PDB file of N, CA and C in Angstrom:
ATOM      1  N   UNK A   1       4.929  27.317  18.947  1.00  0.00           N
ATOM      2  CA  UNK A   1       4.420  26.788  17.701  1.00  0.00           C
ATOM      3  C   UNK A   1       5.615  26.571  16.768  1.00  0.00           C
ATOM      4  N   UNK A   2       5.745  25.359  16.262  1.00  0.00           N
ATOM      5  CA  UNK A   2       6.850  25.080  15.369  1.00  0.00           C
ATOM      6  C   UNK A   2       6.419  25.189  13.907  1.00  0.00           C
ATOM      7  N   UNK A   3       7.365  25.054  13.024  1.00  0.00           N
ATOM      8  CA  UNK A   3       7.116  25.269  11.597  1.00  0.00           C
ATOM      9  C   UNK A   3       6.147  24.248  11.019  1.00  0.00           C
ATOM     10  N   UNK A   4       6.292  22.988  11.409  1.00  0.00           N
ATOM     11  CA  UNK A   4       5.414  21.944  10.878  1.00  0.00           C
ATOM     12  C   UNK A   4       3.963  22.208  11.266  1.00  0.00           C
ATOM     13  N   UNK A   5       3.748  22.585  12.489  1.00  0.00           N
ATOM     14  CA  UNK A   5       2.387  22.855  12.950  1.00  0.00           C
ATOM     15  C   UNK A   5       1.803  24.058  12.219  1.00  0.00           C
ATOM     16  N   UNK A   6       2.601  25.069  11.987  1.00  0.00           N
ATOM     17  CA  UNK A   6       2.145  26.255  11.279  1.00  0.00           C
ATOM     18  C   UNK A   6       1.765  25.933   9.836  1.00  0.00           C
ATOM     19  N   UNK A   7       2.586  25.154   9.159  1.00  0.00           N
ATOM     20  CA  UNK A   7       2.302  24.789   7.768  1.00  0.00           C
ATOM     21  C   UNK A   7       1.083  23.885   7.649  1.00  0.00           C
ATOM     22  N   UNK A   8       0.953  22.933   8.560  1.00  0.00           N
ATOM     23  CA  UNK A   8      -0.211  22.044   8.520  1.00  0.00           C
ATOM     24  C   UNK A   8      -1.477  22.824   8.841  1.00  0.00           C
ATOM     25  N   UNK A   9      -1.419  23.741   9.784  1.00  0.00           N
ATOM     26  CA  UNK A   9      -2.583  24.572  10.096  1.00  0.00           C
ATOM     27  C   UNK A   9      -3.004  25.405   8.891  1.00  0.00           C
ATOM     28  N   UNK A  10      -2.034  25.955   8.184  1.00  0.00           N
ATOM     29  CA  UNK A  10      -2.336  26.756   6.999  1.00  0.00           C
ATOM     30  C   UNK A  10      -2.939  25.878   5.896  1.00  0.00           C
ATOM     31  N   UNK A  11      -2.403  24.686   5.708  1.00  0.00           N
ATOM     32  CA  UNK A  11      -2.915  23.760   4.705  1.00  0.00           C
ATOM     33  C   UNK A  11      -4.350  23.343   5.033  1.00  0.00           C
ATOM     34  N   UNK A  12      -4.621  23.044   6.288  1.00  0.00           N
ATOM     35  CA  UNK A  12      -5.968  22.661   6.713  1.00  0.00           C
ATOM     36  C   UNK A  12      -6.934  23.827   6.536  1.00  0.00           C
ATOM     37  N   UNK A  13      -6.481  25.036   6.825  1.00  0.00           N
ATOM     38  CA  UNK A  13      -7.318  26.215   6.609  1.00  0.00           C
ATOM     39  C   UNK A  13      -7.660  26.419   5.142  1.00  0.00           C
ATOM     40  N   UNK A  14      -6.705  26.141   4.257  1.00  0.00           N
ATOM     41  CA  UNK A  14      -6.975  26.249   2.811  1.00  0.00           C
ATOM     42  C   UNK A  14      -8.000  25.214   2.366  1.00  0.00           C
ATOM     43  N   UNK A  15      -7.889  24.012   2.872  1.00  0.00           N
ATOM     44  CA  UNK A  15      -8.882  22.984   2.558  1.00  0.00           C
ATOM     45  C   UNK A  15     -10.241  23.410   3.103  1.00  0.00           C
ATOM     46  N   UNK A  16     -10.257  24.000   4.289  1.00  0.00           N
ATOM     47  CA  UNK A  16     -11.507  24.499   4.866  1.00  0.00           C
ATOM     48  C   UNK A  16     -12.149  25.568   3.994  1.00  0.00           C
ATOM     49  N   UNK A  17     -11.352  26.457   3.432  1.00  0.00           N
ATOM     50  CA  UNK A  17     -11.907  27.474   2.523  1.00  0.00           C
ATOM     51  C   UNK A  17     -12.515  26.821   1.288  1.00  0.00           C
ATOM     52  N   UNK A  18     -11.875  25.774   0.798  1.00  0.00           N
ATOM     53  CA  UNK A  18     -12.437  25.031  -0.328  1.00  0.00           C
ATOM     54  C   UNK A  18     -13.778  24.406   0.025  1.00  0.00           C
ATOM     55  N   UNK A  19     -13.883  23.845   1.209  1.00  0.00           N
ATOM     56  CA  UNK A  19     -15.155  23.271   1.669  1.00  0.00           C
ATOM     57  C   UNK A  19     -16.221  24.352   1.796  1.00  0.00           C
ATOM     58  N   UNK A  20     -15.841  25.521   2.301  1.00  0.00           N
ATOM     59  CA  UNK A  20     -16.810  26.613   2.447  1.00  0.00           C
ATOM     60  C   UNK A  20     -17.324  27.060   1.088  1.00  0.00           C
ATOM     61  N   UNK A  21     -16.428  27.242   0.136  1.00  0.00           N
ATOM     62  CA  UNK A  21     -16.844  27.666  -1.210  1.00  0.00           C
ATOM     63  C   UNK A  21     -17.738  26.618  -1.844  1.00  0.00           C
ATOM     64  N   UNK A  22     -17.357  25.349  -1.737  1.00  0.00           N
ATOM     65  CA  UNK A  22     -18.168  24.265  -2.298  1.00  0.00           C
ATOM     66  C   UNK A  22     -19.538  24.207  -1.607  1.00  0.00           C
ATOM     67  N   UNK A  23     -19.555  24.316  -0.292  1.00  0.00           N
ATOM     68  CA  UNK A  23     -20.816  24.245   0.448  1.00  0.00           C
ATOM     69  C   UNK A  23     -21.766  25.378   0.112  1.00  0.00           C
ATOM     70  N   UNK A  24     -21.231  26.577  -0.119  1.00  0.00           N
ATOM     71  CA  UNK A  24     -22.088  27.709  -0.469  1.00  0.00           C
ATOM     72  C   UNK A  24     -22.626  27.590  -1.883  1.00  0.00           C
ATOM     73  N   UNK A  25     -21.803  27.146  -2.818  1.00  0.00           N
ATOM     74  CA  UNK A  25     -22.246  27.064  -4.212  1.00  0.00           C
ATOM     75  C   UNK A  25     -23.210  25.900  -4.449  1.00  0.00           C
ATOM     76  N   UNK A  26     -23.014  24.803  -3.762  1.00  0.00           N
ATOM     77  CA  UNK A  26     -23.836  23.614  -3.962  1.00  0.00           C
ATOM     78  C   UNK A  26     -24.952  23.476  -2.919  1.00  0.00           C
ATOM     79  N   UNK A  27     -25.089  24.440  -2.014  1.00  0.00           N
ATOM     80  CA  UNK A  27     -26.101  24.422  -0.958  1.00  0.00           C
ATOM     81  C   UNK A  27     -25.993  23.153  -0.108  1.00  0.00           C
ATOM     82  N   UNK A  28     -24.771  22.818   0.283  1.00  0.00           N
ATOM     83  CA  UNK A  28     -24.518  21.654   1.135  1.00  0.00           C
ATOM     84  C   UNK A  28     -24.092  22.155   2.510  1.00  0.00           C
ATOM     85  N   UNK A  29     -24.996  22.035   3.455  1.00  0.00           N
ATOM     86  CA  UNK A  29     -24.732  22.532   4.800  1.00  0.00           C
ATOM     87  C   UNK A  29     -23.626  21.789   5.513  1.00  0.00           C
ATOM     88  N   UNK A  30     -23.520  20.480   5.278  1.00  0.00           N
ATOM     89  CA  UNK A  30     -22.477  19.709   5.963  1.00  0.00           C
ATOM     90  C   UNK A  30     -21.082  20.140   5.512  1.00  0.00           C
ATOM     91  N   UNK A  31     -20.915  20.417   4.225  1.00  0.00           N
ATOM     92  CA  UNK A  31     -19.617  20.881   3.729  1.00  0.00           C
ATOM     93  C   UNK A  31     -19.310  22.282   4.258  1.00  0.00           C
ATOM     94  N   UNK A  32     -20.315  23.120   4.341  1.00  0.00           N
ATOM     95  CA  UNK A  32     -20.124  24.479   4.846  1.00  0.00           C
ATOM     96  C   UNK A  32     -19.694  24.466   6.314  1.00  0.00           C
ATOM     97  N   UNK A  33     -20.373  23.669   7.122  1.00  0.00           N
ATOM     98  CA  UNK A  33     -20.039  23.576   8.549  1.00  0.00           C
ATOM     99  C   UNK A  33     -18.655  22.950   8.737  1.00  0.00           C
ATOM    100  N   UNK A  34     -18.344  21.922   7.938  1.00  0.00           N
ATOM    101  CA  UNK A  34     -17.026  21.300   8.023  1.00  0.00           C
ATOM    102  C   UNK A  34     -15.933  22.299   7.632  1.00  0.00           C
ATOM    103  N   UNK A  35     -16.194  23.113   6.632  1.00  0.00           N
ATOM    104  CA  UNK A  35     -15.225  24.122   6.221  1.00  0.00           C
ATOM    105  C   UNK A  35     -14.973  25.151   7.298  1.00  0.00           C
ATOM    106  N   UNK A  36     -16.028  25.586   7.942  1.00  0.00           N
ATOM    107  CA  UNK A  36     -15.870  26.550   9.043  1.00  0.00           C
ATOM    108  C   UNK A  36     -15.091  25.917  10.187  1.00  0.00           C
ATOM    109  N   UNK A  37     -15.406  24.662  10.491  1.00  0.00           N
ATOM    110  CA  UNK A  37     -14.684  23.965  11.564  1.00  0.00           C
ATOM    111  C   UNK A  37     -13.212  23.793  11.215  1.00  0.00           C
ATOM    112  N   UNK A  38     -12.914  23.485   9.953  1.00  0.00           N
ATOM    113  CA  UNK A  38     -11.525  23.323   9.535  1.00  0.00           C
ATOM    114  C   UNK A  38     -10.743  24.634   9.616  1.00  0.00           C
ATOM    115  N   UNK A  39     -11.415  25.742   9.419  1.00  0.00           N
ATOM    116  CA  UNK A  39     -10.733  27.029   9.499  1.00  0.00           C
ATOM    117  C   UNK A  39     -10.530  27.492  10.938  1.00  0.00           C
ATOM    118  N   UNK A  40     -11.373  27.043  11.847  1.00  0.00           N
ATOM    119  CA  UNK A  40     -11.339  27.554  13.218  1.00  0.00           C
ATOM    120  C   UNK A  40     -10.546  26.673  14.180  1.00  0.00           C
ATOM    121  N   UNK A  41     -10.668  25.358  14.081  1.00  0.00           N
ATOM    122  CA  UNK A  41     -10.103  24.502  15.124  1.00  0.00           C
ATOM    123  C   UNK A  41      -8.583  24.555  15.245  1.00  0.00           C
ATOM    124  N   UNK A  42      -7.788  24.825  14.190  1.00  0.00           N
ATOM    125  CA  UNK A  42      -6.331  24.865  14.393  1.00  0.00           C
ATOM    126  C   UNK A  42      -5.874  25.941  15.390  1.00  0.00           C
ATOM    127  N   UNK A  43      -6.691  26.938  15.650  1.00  0.00           N
ATOM    128  CA  UNK A  43      -6.332  27.949  16.638  1.00  0.00           C
ATOM    129  C   UNK A  43      -6.336  27.393  18.063  1.00  0.00           C
ATOM    130  N   UNK A  44      -7.071  26.314  18.287  1.00  0.00           N
ATOM    131  CA  UNK A  44      -7.260  25.798  19.633  1.00  0.00           C
ATOM    132  C   UNK A  44      -6.500  24.511  19.915  1.00  0.00           C
ATOM    133  N   UNK A  45      -6.028  23.822  18.884  1.00  0.00           N
ATOM    134  CA  UNK A  45      -5.315  22.552  19.057  1.00  0.00           C
ATOM    135  C   UNK A  45      -3.821  22.810  18.864  1.00  0.00           C
ATOM    136  N   UNK A  46      -3.017  22.438  19.844  1.00  0.00           N
ATOM    137  CA  UNK A  46      -1.594  22.728  19.787  1.00  0.00           C
ATOM    138  C   UNK A  46      -0.731  21.481  19.642  1.00  0.00           C
ATOM    139  N   UNK A  47      -1.352  20.306  19.600  1.00  0.00           N
ATOM    140  CA  UNK A  47      -0.624  19.063  19.420  1.00  0.00           C
ATOM    141  C   UNK A  47      -0.681  18.670  17.946  1.00  0.00           C
ATOM    142  N   UNK A  48       0.460  18.359  17.355  1.00  0.00           N
ATOM    143  CA  UNK A  48       0.536  18.084  15.917  1.00  0.00           C
ATOM    144  C   UNK A  48      -0.266  16.845  15.537  1.00  0.00           C
ATOM    145  N   UNK A  49      -0.175  15.792  16.318  1.00  0.00           N
ATOM    146  CA  UNK A  49      -0.903  14.555  16.009  1.00  0.00           C
ATOM    147  C   UNK A  49      -2.411  14.792  16.103  1.00  0.00           C
ATOM    148  N   UNK A  50      -2.858  15.474  17.143  1.00  0.00           N
ATOM    149  CA  UNK A  50      -4.282  15.784  17.279  1.00  0.00           C
ATOM    150  C   UNK A  50      -4.757  16.685  16.147  1.00  0.00           C
ATOM    151  N   UNK A  51      -3.918  17.606  15.728  1.00  0.00           N
ATOM    152  CA  UNK A  51      -4.252  18.500  14.628  1.00  0.00           C
ATOM    153  C   UNK A  51      -4.547  17.696  13.366  1.00  0.00           C
ATOM    154  N   UNK A  52      -3.707  16.717  13.079  1.00  0.00           N
ATOM    155  CA  UNK A  52      -3.899  15.882  11.896  1.00  0.00           C
ATOM    156  C   UNK A  52      -5.115  14.963  12.027  1.00  0.00           C
ATOM    157  N   UNK A  53      -5.291  14.352  13.193  1.00  0.00           N
ATOM    158  CA  UNK A  53      -6.407  13.418  13.388  1.00  0.00           C
ATOM    159  C   UNK A  53      -7.761  14.123  13.339  1.00  0.00           C
ATOM    160  N   UNK A  54      -7.865  15.244  14.025  1.00  0.00           N
ATOM    161  CA  UNK A  54      -9.128  15.987  14.028  1.00  0.00           C
ATOM    162  C   UNK A  54      -9.425  16.525  12.630  1.00  0.00           C
ATOM    163  N   UNK A  55      -8.406  17.034  11.958  1.00  0.00           N
ATOM    164  CA  UNK A  55      -8.589  17.552  10.604  1.00  0.00           C
ATOM    165  C   UNK A  55      -9.069  16.478   9.644  1.00  0.00           C
ATOM    166  N   UNK A  56      -8.458  15.307   9.718  1.00  0.00           N
ATOM    167  CA  UNK A  56      -8.880  14.199   8.861  1.00  0.00           C
ATOM    168  C   UNK A  56     -10.316  13.794   9.169  1.00  0.00           C
ATOM    169  N   UNK A  57     -10.658  13.750  10.445  1.00  0.00           N
ATOM    170  CA  UNK A  57     -12.029  13.400  10.829  1.00  0.00           C
ATOM    171  C   UNK A  57     -13.049  14.402  10.306  1.00  0.00           C
ATOM    172  N   UNK A  58     -12.740  15.676  10.404  1.00  0.00           N
ATOM    173  CA  UNK A  58     -13.676  16.700   9.925  1.00  0.00           C
ATOM    174  C   UNK A  58     -13.783  16.662   8.402  1.00  0.00           C
ATOM    175  N   UNK A  59     -12.675  16.379   7.717  1.00  0.00           N
ATOM    176  CA  UNK A  59     -12.707  16.319   6.253  1.00  0.00           C
ATOM    177  C   UNK A  59     -13.559  15.167   5.737  1.00  0.00           C
ATOM    178  N   UNK A  60     -13.654  14.090   6.499  1.00  0.00           N
ATOM    179  CA  UNK A  60     -14.384  12.900   6.062  1.00  0.00           C
ATOM    180  C   UNK A  60     -15.893  13.013   6.332  1.00  0.00           C
ATOM    181  N   UNK A  61     -16.286  13.802   7.321  1.00  0.00           N
ATOM    182  CA  UNK A  61     -17.681  13.882   7.733  1.00  0.00           C
ATOM    183  C   UNK A  61     -18.645  14.232   6.587  1.00  0.00           C
ATOM    184  N   UNK A  62     -18.370  15.220   5.729  1.00  0.00           N
ATOM    185  CA  UNK A  62     -19.343  15.554   4.680  1.00  0.00           C
ATOM    186  C   UNK A  62     -19.615  14.422   3.678  1.00  0.00           C
ATOM    187  N   UNK A  63     -18.696  13.455   3.589  1.00  0.00           N
ATOM    188  CA  UNK A  63     -18.929  12.338   2.686  1.00  0.00           C
ATOM    189  C   UNK A  63     -19.947  11.349   3.240  1.00  0.00           C
ATOM    190  N   UNK A  64     -20.128  11.353   4.551  1.00  0.00           N
ATOM    191  CA  UNK A  64     -21.071  10.431   5.186  1.00  0.00           C
ATOM    192  C   UNK A  64     -22.368  11.097   5.606  1.00  0.00           C
ATOM    193  N   UNK A  65     -22.373  12.415   5.766  1.00  0.00           N
ATOM    194  CA  UNK A  65     -23.576  13.153   6.147  1.00  0.00           C
ATOM    195  C   UNK A  65     -24.109  13.851   4.889  1.00  0.00           C
ATOM    196  N   UNK A  66     -25.277  13.431   4.456  1.00  0.00           N
ATOM    197  CA  UNK A  66     -25.856  14.016   3.246  1.00  0.00           C
ATOM    198  C   UNK A  66     -27.004  14.937   3.619  1.00  0.00           C
ATOM    199  N   UNK A  67     -27.083  16.063   2.940  1.00  0.00           N
ATOM    200  CA  UNK A  67     -28.138  17.047   3.211  1.00  0.00           C
ATOM    201  C   UNK A  67     -29.376  16.714   2.424  1.00  0.00           C
TER     202      UNK A  67
END
């Protein structure tokens, strides 16, 4: 694991925590699930490009899926 991957994983995890907090306070299930996914998936993806692409995809999903 290199430094760039570690920093991006940490940044994505912080965004995921923000989604979790927002989803719990606003009762938005899609944001809550996206936040949990953002916090968990960096443990399993080891390619930097895939890490960025999957993270961006998960971050965009709550804007299109409305509860």
